[in-house]
Amino acid sequence: MVDDEEVVRKVAKATLENHGYRVLLAANGKEAVEALRAAKTSIGLILLDLTKPVWAGRKLFRFCGQSVKTFP
């Protein structure tokens, strides 16, 4: 879950975990890339805010699309 607003990240994490999902959080695209690279398991879904600072959502989206095979 990538969003620059902490409250949005916390609510999304709690909601998703209540439904059995494991959730990684990032405040911006740079943190998201670091989290993806450090992930010990495969990533099944990325939720992101397209208008956030530091690596805007569209740039992160393109990066993930190009690099998806390199993530665990």
PDB file of N, CA and C in Angstrom:
ATOM      1  N   MET A   1       0.844  -1.162   0.000  1.00  0.00           N
ATOM      2  CA  MET A   1       0.000   0.000   0.000  1.00  0.00           C
ATOM      3  C   MET A   1       0.892   1.228   0.000  1.00  0.00           C
ATOM      4  N   VAL A   2       0.786   2.032  -1.031  1.00  0.00           N
ATOM      5  CA  VAL A   2       1.635   3.210  -1.175  1.00  0.00           C
ATOM      6  C   VAL A   2       0.757   4.456  -1.147  1.00  0.00           C
ATOM      7  N   ASP A   3       0.924   5.268  -0.115  1.00  0.00           N
ATOM      8  CA  ASP A   3       0.173   6.513  -0.005  1.00  0.00           C
ATOM      9  C   ASP A   3       0.953   7.454   0.901  1.00  0.00           C
ATOM     10  N   ASP A   4       0.955   8.732   0.585  1.00  0.00           N
ATOM     11  CA  ASP A   4       1.698   9.693   1.392  1.00  0.00           C
ATOM     12  C   ASP A   4       0.978  10.077   2.679  1.00  0.00           C
ATOM     13  N   GLU A   5      -0.291   9.727   2.817  1.00  0.00           N
ATOM     14  CA  GLU A   5      -1.043  10.050   4.029  1.00  0.00           C
ATOM     15  C   GLU A   5      -1.028   8.862   4.991  1.00  0.00           C
ATOM     16  N   GLU A   6      -0.460   9.080   6.167  1.00  0.00           N
ATOM     17  CA  GLU A   6      -0.306   8.006   7.141  1.00  0.00           C
ATOM     18  C   GLU A   6      -1.638   7.377   7.541  1.00  0.00           C
ATOM     19  N   VAL A   7      -2.658   8.186   7.728  1.00  0.00           N
ATOM     20  CA  VAL A   7      -3.947   7.645   8.146  1.00  0.00           C
ATOM     21  C   VAL A   7      -4.524   6.715   7.074  1.00  0.00           C
ATOM     22  N   VAL A   8      -4.324   7.048   5.815  1.00  0.00           N
ATOM     23  CA  VAL A   8      -4.799   6.187   4.719  1.00  0.00           C
ATOM     24  C   VAL A   8      -4.061   4.855   4.748  1.00  0.00           C
ATOM     25  N   ARG A   9      -2.748   4.903   4.952  1.00  0.00           N
ATOM     26  CA  ARG A   9      -1.958   3.663   5.034  1.00  0.00           C
ATOM     27  C   ARG A   9      -2.425   2.795   6.194  1.00  0.00           C
ATOM     28  N   LYS A  10      -2.632   3.415   7.363  1.00  0.00           N
ATOM     29  CA  LYS A  10      -3.038   2.649   8.545  1.00  0.00           C
ATOM     30  C   LYS A  10      -4.412   2.003   8.366  1.00  0.00           C
ATOM     31  N   VAL A  11      -5.364   2.747   7.828  1.00  0.00           N
ATOM     32  CA  VAL A  11      -6.717   2.204   7.631  1.00  0.00           C
ATOM     33  C   VAL A  11      -6.687   1.084   6.593  1.00  0.00           C
ATOM     34  N   ALA A  12      -5.976   1.298   5.495  1.00  0.00           N
ATOM     35  CA  ALA A  12      -5.883   0.266   4.460  1.00  0.00           C
ATOM     36  C   ALA A  12      -5.225  -0.991   5.013  1.00  0.00           C
ATOM     37  N   LYS A  13      -4.150  -0.815   5.767  1.00  0.00           N
ATOM     38  CA  LYS A  13      -3.448  -1.971   6.341  1.00  0.00           C
ATOM     39  C   LYS A  13      -4.364  -2.752   7.276  1.00  0.00           C
ATOM     40  N   ALA A  14      -5.044  -2.061   8.171  1.00  0.00           N
ATOM     41  CA  ALA A  14      -5.940  -2.735   9.119  1.00  0.00           C
ATOM     42  C   ALA A  14      -7.058  -3.464   8.392  1.00  0.00           C
ATOM     43  N   THR A  15      -7.632  -2.815   7.407  1.00  0.00           N
ATOM     44  CA  THR A  15      -8.726  -3.428   6.650  1.00  0.00           C
ATOM     45  C   THR A  15      -8.258  -4.677   5.904  1.00  0.00           C
ATOM     46  N   LEU A  16      -7.150  -4.564   5.205  1.00  0.00           N
ATOM     47  CA  LEU A  16      -6.639  -5.699   4.440  1.00  0.00           C
ATOM     48  C   LEU A  16      -6.193  -6.839   5.352  1.00  0.00           C
ATOM     49  N   GLU A  17      -5.541  -6.517   6.464  1.00  0.00           N
ATOM     50  CA  GLU A  17      -5.113  -7.571   7.387  1.00  0.00           C
ATOM     51  C   GLU A  17      -6.308  -8.264   8.027  1.00  0.00           C
ATOM     52  N   ASN A  18      -7.377  -7.535   8.271  1.00  0.00           N
ATOM     53  CA  ASN A  18      -8.597  -8.154   8.800  1.00  0.00           C
ATOM     54  C   ASN A  18      -9.194  -9.166   7.826  1.00  0.00           C
ATOM     55  N   HIS A  19      -8.829  -9.046   6.556  1.00  0.00           N
ATOM     56  CA  HIS A  19      -9.306  -9.992   5.539  1.00  0.00           C
ATOM     57  C   HIS A  19      -8.240 -11.027   5.188  1.00  0.00           C
ATOM     58  N   GLY A  20      -7.178 -11.090   6.005  1.00  0.00           N
ATOM     59  CA  GLY A  20      -6.184 -12.139   5.842  1.00  0.00           C
ATOM     60  C   GLY A  20      -4.992 -11.813   4.962  1.00  0.00           C
ATOM     61  N   TYR A  21      -4.868 -10.574   4.527  1.00  0.00           N
ATOM     62  CA  TYR A  21      -3.748 -10.201   3.672  1.00  0.00           C
ATOM     63  C   TYR A  21      -2.544  -9.752   4.503  1.00  0.00           C
ATOM     64  N   ARG A  22      -1.364  -9.999   3.984  1.00  0.00           N
ATOM     65  CA  ARG A  22      -0.136  -9.456   4.565  1.00  0.00           C
ATOM     66  C   ARG A  22       0.147  -8.165   3.814  1.00  0.00           C
ATOM     67  N   VAL A  23       0.434  -7.088   4.526  1.00  0.00           N
ATOM     68  CA  VAL A  23       0.516  -5.767   3.907  1.00  0.00           C
ATOM     69  C   VAL A  23       1.877  -5.119   4.160  1.00  0.00           C
ATOM     70  N   LEU A  24       2.471  -4.620   3.096  1.00  0.00           N
ATOM     71  CA  LEU A  24       3.677  -3.803   3.182  1.00  0.00           C
ATOM     72  C   LEU A  24       3.247  -2.358   2.957  1.00  0.00           C
ATOM     73  N   LEU A  25       3.837  -1.422   3.699  1.00  0.00           N
ATOM     74  CA  LEU A  25       3.471  -0.016   3.572  1.00  0.00           C
ATOM     75  C   LEU A  25       4.648   0.813   3.073  1.00  0.00           C
ATOM     76  N   ALA A  26       4.323   1.855   2.316  1.00  0.00           N
ATOM     77  CA  ALA A  26       5.328   2.817   1.866  1.00  0.00           C
ATOM     78  C   ALA A  26       4.660   4.180   1.740  1.00  0.00           C
ATOM     79  N   ALA A  27       5.396   5.218   2.099  1.00  0.00           N
ATOM     80  CA  ALA A  27       4.860   6.571   2.043  1.00  0.00           C
ATOM     81  C   ALA A  27       5.059   7.224   0.676  1.00  0.00           C
ATOM     82  N   ASN A  28       5.949   6.643  -0.140  1.00  0.00           N
ATOM     83  CA  ASN A  28       6.198   7.207  -1.466  1.00  0.00           C
ATOM     84  C   ASN A  28       6.767   6.125  -2.380  1.00  0.00           C
ATOM     85  N   GLY A  29       6.959   6.479  -3.627  1.00  0.00           N
ATOM     86  CA  GLY A  29       7.432   5.505  -4.602  1.00  0.00           C
ATOM     87  C   GLY A  29       8.808   4.957  -4.302  1.00  0.00           C
ATOM     88  N   LYS A  30       9.692   5.807  -3.799  1.00  0.00           N
ATOM     89  CA  LYS A  30      11.048   5.347  -3.469  1.00  0.00           C
ATOM     90  C   LYS A  30      10.984   4.281  -2.378  1.00  0.00           C
ATOM     91  N   GLU A  31      10.202   4.536  -1.329  1.00  0.00           N
ATOM     92  CA  GLU A  31      10.042   3.539  -0.261  1.00  0.00           C
ATOM     93  C   GLU A  31       9.393   2.267  -0.797  1.00  0.00           C
ATOM     94  N   ALA A  32       8.467   2.419  -1.730  1.00  0.00           N
ATOM     95  CA  ALA A  32       7.787   1.251  -2.302  1.00  0.00           C
ATOM     96  C   ALA A  32       8.770   0.358  -3.048  1.00  0.00           C
ATOM     97  N   VAL A  33       9.639   0.959  -3.832  1.00  0.00           N
ATOM     98  CA  VAL A  33      10.634   0.180  -4.570  1.00  0.00           C
ATOM     99  C   VAL A  33      11.558  -0.545  -3.594  1.00  0.00           C
ATOM    100  N   GLU A  34      11.969   0.149  -2.534  1.00  0.00           N
ATOM    101  CA  GLU A  34      12.822  -0.489  -1.527  1.00  0.00           C
ATOM    102  C   GLU A  34      12.098  -1.662  -0.866  1.00  0.00           C
ATOM    103  N   ALA A  35      10.817  -1.480  -0.546  1.00  0.00           N
ATOM    104  CA  ALA A  35      10.033  -2.553   0.076  1.00  0.00           C
ATOM    105  C   ALA A  35       9.857  -3.730  -0.879  1.00  0.00           C
ATOM    106  N   LEU A  36       9.621  -3.444  -2.145  1.00  0.00           N
ATOM    107  CA  LEU A  36       9.466  -4.511  -3.135  1.00  0.00           C
ATOM    108  C   LEU A  36      10.753  -5.309  -3.282  1.00  0.00           C
ATOM    109  N   ARG A  37      11.854  -4.614  -3.318  1.00  0.00           N
ATOM    110  CA  ARG A  37      13.149  -5.296  -3.466  1.00  0.00           C
ATOM    111  C   ARG A  37      13.504  -6.118  -2.233  1.00  0.00           C
ATOM    112  N   ALA A  38      13.060  -5.674  -1.058  1.00  0.00           N
ATOM    113  CA  ALA A  38      13.374  -6.368   0.193  1.00  0.00           C
ATOM    114  C   ALA A  38      12.365  -7.472   0.531  1.00  0.00           C
ATOM    115  N   ALA A  39      11.272  -7.535  -0.196  1.00  0.00           N
ATOM    116  CA  ALA A  39      10.211  -8.505   0.105  1.00  0.00           C
ATOM    117  C   ALA A  39      10.736  -9.935   0.040  1.00  0.00           C
ATOM    118  N   LYS A  40      10.353 -10.730   1.027  1.00  0.00           N
ATOM    119  CA  LYS A  40      10.772 -12.130   1.088  1.00  0.00           C
ATOM    120  C   LYS A  40       9.778 -13.055   0.384  1.00  0.00           C
ATOM    121  N   THR A  41       8.628 -12.530   0.044  1.00  0.00           N
ATOM    122  CA  THR A  41       7.605 -13.318  -0.639  1.00  0.00           C
ATOM    123  C   THR A  41       7.178 -12.580  -1.904  1.00  0.00           C
ATOM    124  N   SER A  42       6.410 -13.233  -2.741  1.00  0.00           N
ATOM    125  CA  SER A  42       5.937 -12.586  -3.957  1.00  0.00           C
ATOM    126  C   SER A  42       4.878 -11.537  -3.613  1.00  0.00           C
ATOM    127  N   ILE A  43       4.770 -10.543  -4.459  1.00  0.00           N
ATOM    128  CA  ILE A  43       3.803  -9.464  -4.288  1.00  0.00           C
ATOM    129  C   ILE A  43       2.648  -9.738  -5.243  1.00  0.00           C
ATOM    130  N   GLY A  44       1.442  -9.843  -4.686  1.00  0.00           N
ATOM    131  CA  GLY A  44       0.283 -10.151  -5.513  1.00  0.00           C
ATOM    132  C   GLY A  44      -0.508  -8.936  -5.955  1.00  0.00           C
ATOM    133  N   LEU A  45      -0.329  -7.815  -5.252  1.00  0.00           N
ATOM    134  CA  LEU A  45      -1.122  -6.627  -5.548  1.00  0.00           C
ATOM    135  C   LEU A  45      -0.392  -5.398  -5.018  1.00  0.00           C
ATOM    136  N   ILE A  46      -0.425  -4.318  -5.794  1.00  0.00           N
ATOM    137  CA  ILE A  46       0.130  -3.047  -5.341  1.00  0.00           C
ATOM    138  C   ILE A  46      -0.977  -2.004  -5.439  1.00  0.00           C
ATOM    139  N   LEU A  47      -1.312  -1.398  -4.301  1.00  0.00           N
ATOM    140  CA  LEU A  47      -2.274  -0.295  -4.267  1.00  0.00           C
ATOM    141  C   LEU A  47      -1.477   0.979  -4.128  1.00  0.00           C
ATOM    142  N   LEU A  48      -1.715   1.940  -5.020  1.00  0.00           N
ATOM    143  CA  LEU A  48      -0.931   3.166  -4.922  1.00  0.00           C
ATOM    144  C   LEU A  48      -1.741   4.392  -5.272  1.00  0.00           C
ATOM    145  N   ASP A  49      -1.321   5.486  -4.670  1.00  0.00           N
ATOM    146  CA  ASP A  49      -1.886   6.810  -4.904  1.00  0.00           C
ATOM    147  C   ASP A  49      -1.146   7.391  -6.101  1.00  0.00           C
ATOM    148  N   LEU A  50      -1.857   7.743  -7.145  1.00  0.00           N
ATOM    149  CA  LEU A  50      -1.202   8.236  -8.352  1.00  0.00           C
ATOM    150  C   LEU A  50      -0.678   9.659  -8.224  1.00  0.00           C
ATOM    151  N   THR A  51      -1.067  10.388  -7.179  1.00  0.00           N
ATOM    152  CA  THR A  51      -0.676  11.796  -7.070  1.00  0.00           C
ATOM    153  C   THR A  51       0.190  12.073  -5.846  1.00  0.00           C
ATOM    154  N   LYS A  52       1.009  11.127  -5.460  1.00  0.00           N
ATOM    155  CA  LYS A  52       1.834  11.321  -4.275  1.00  0.00           C
ATOM    156  C   LYS A  52       3.196  11.913  -4.625  1.00  0.00           C
ATOM    157  N   PRO A  53       3.873  12.511  -3.625  1.00  0.00           N
ATOM    158  CA  PRO A  53       5.212  13.065  -3.872  1.00  0.00           C
ATOM    159  C   PRO A  53       6.270  11.957  -3.916  1.00  0.00           C
ATOM    160  N   VAL A  54       7.451  12.290  -4.385  1.00  0.00           N
ATOM    161  CA  VAL A  54       8.603  11.378  -4.470  1.00  0.00           C
ATOM    162  C   VAL A  54       8.234  10.136  -5.278  1.00  0.00           C
ATOM    163  N   TRP A  55       8.599  10.142  -6.493  1.00  0.00           N
ATOM    164  CA  TRP A  55       8.258   9.070  -7.435  1.00  0.00           C
ATOM    165  C   TRP A  55       6.748   9.035  -7.589  1.00  0.00           C
ATOM    166  N   ALA A  56       6.198   9.929  -8.329  1.00  0.00           N
ATOM    167  CA  ALA A  56       4.743   9.990  -8.553  1.00  0.00           C
ATOM    168  C   ALA A  56       4.218   8.615  -8.953  1.00  0.00           C
ATOM    169  N   GLY A  57       2.964   8.378  -8.666  1.00  0.00           N
ATOM    170  CA  GLY A  57       2.345   7.075  -8.874  1.00  0.00           C
ATOM    171  C   GLY A  57       2.512   6.503 -10.267  1.00  0.00           C
ATOM    172  N   ARG A  58       2.384   7.339 -11.277  1.00  0.00           N
ATOM    173  CA  ARG A  58       2.515   6.841 -12.652  1.00  0.00           C
ATOM    174  C   ARG A  58       3.939   6.341 -12.927  1.00  0.00           C
ATOM    175  N   LYS A  59       4.936   7.034 -12.384  1.00  0.00           N
ATOM    176  CA  LYS A  59       6.328   6.597 -12.562  1.00  0.00           C
ATOM    177  C   LYS A  59       6.541   5.254 -11.863  1.00  0.00           C
ATOM    178  N   LEU A  60       6.019   5.117 -10.653  1.00  0.00           N
ATOM    179  CA  LEU A  60       6.135   3.851  -9.925  1.00  0.00           C
ATOM    180  C   LEU A  60       5.402   2.742 -10.669  1.00  0.00           C
ATOM    181  N   PHE A  61       4.223   3.045 -11.191  1.00  0.00           N
ATOM    182  CA  PHE A  61       3.440   2.069 -11.942  1.00  0.00           C
ATOM    183  C   PHE A  61       4.234   1.563 -13.147  1.00  0.00           C
ATOM    184  N   ARG A  62       4.843   2.474 -13.890  1.00  0.00           N
ATOM    185  CA  ARG A  62       5.660   2.072 -15.050  1.00  0.00           C
ATOM    186  C   ARG A  62       6.850   1.234 -14.606  1.00  0.00           C
ATOM    187  N   PHE A  63       7.519   1.643 -13.526  1.00  0.00           N
ATOM    188  CA  PHE A  63       8.659   0.895 -13.014  1.00  0.00           C
ATOM    189  C   PHE A  63       8.254  -0.530 -12.645  1.00  0.00           C
ATOM    190  N   CYS A  64       7.141  -0.674 -11.940  1.00  0.00           N
ATOM    191  CA  CYS A  64       6.689  -2.007 -11.534  1.00  0.00           C
ATOM    192  C   CYS A  64       6.341  -2.860 -12.745  1.00  0.00           C
ATOM    193  N   GLY A  65       5.730  -2.252 -13.732  1.00  0.00           N
ATOM    194  CA  GLY A  65       5.385  -2.991 -14.949  1.00  0.00           C
ATOM    195  C   GLY A  65       6.613  -3.480 -15.693  1.00  0.00           C
ATOM    196  N   GLN A  66       7.666  -2.690 -15.669  1.00  0.00           N
ATOM    197  CA  GLN A  66       8.902  -3.065 -16.353  1.00  0.00           C
ATOM    198  C   GLN A  66       9.731  -4.040 -15.528  1.00  0.00           C
ATOM    199  N   SER A  67       9.584  -3.999 -14.205  1.00  0.00           N
ATOM    200  CA  SER A  67      10.456  -4.752 -13.328  1.00  0.00           C
ATOM    201  C   SER A  67       9.773  -5.904 -12.608  1.00  0.00           C
ATOM    202  N   VAL A  68       8.521  -6.137 -12.905  1.00  0.00           N
ATOM    203  CA  VAL A  68       7.751  -7.121 -12.136  1.00  0.00           C
ATOM    204  C   VAL A  68       8.421  -8.481 -12.079  1.00  0.00           C
ATOM    205  N   LYS A  69       9.140  -8.871 -13.101  1.00  0.00           N
ATOM    206  CA  LYS A  69       9.794 -10.182 -13.092  1.00  0.00           C
ATOM    207  C   LYS A  69      10.989 -10.229 -12.126  1.00  0.00           C
ATOM    208  N   THR A  70      11.491  -9.061 -11.741  1.00  0.00           N
ATOM    209  CA  THR A  70      12.658  -9.057 -10.871  1.00  0.00           C
ATOM    210  C   THR A  70      12.287  -9.128  -9.399  1.00  0.00           C
ATOM    211  N   PHE A  71      11.023  -8.934  -9.076  1.00  0.00           N
ATOM    212  CA  PHE A  71      10.595  -9.014  -7.679  1.00  0.00           C
ATOM    213  C   PHE A  71      10.276 -10.448  -7.320  1.00  0.00           C
ATOM    214  N   PRO A  72      10.523 -10.817  -6.051  1.00  0.00           N
ATOM    215  CA  PRO A  72      10.262 -12.205  -5.622  1.00  0.00           C
ATOM    216  C   PRO A  72       8.803 -12.586  -5.813  1.00  0.00           C
TER     217      PRO A  72
END
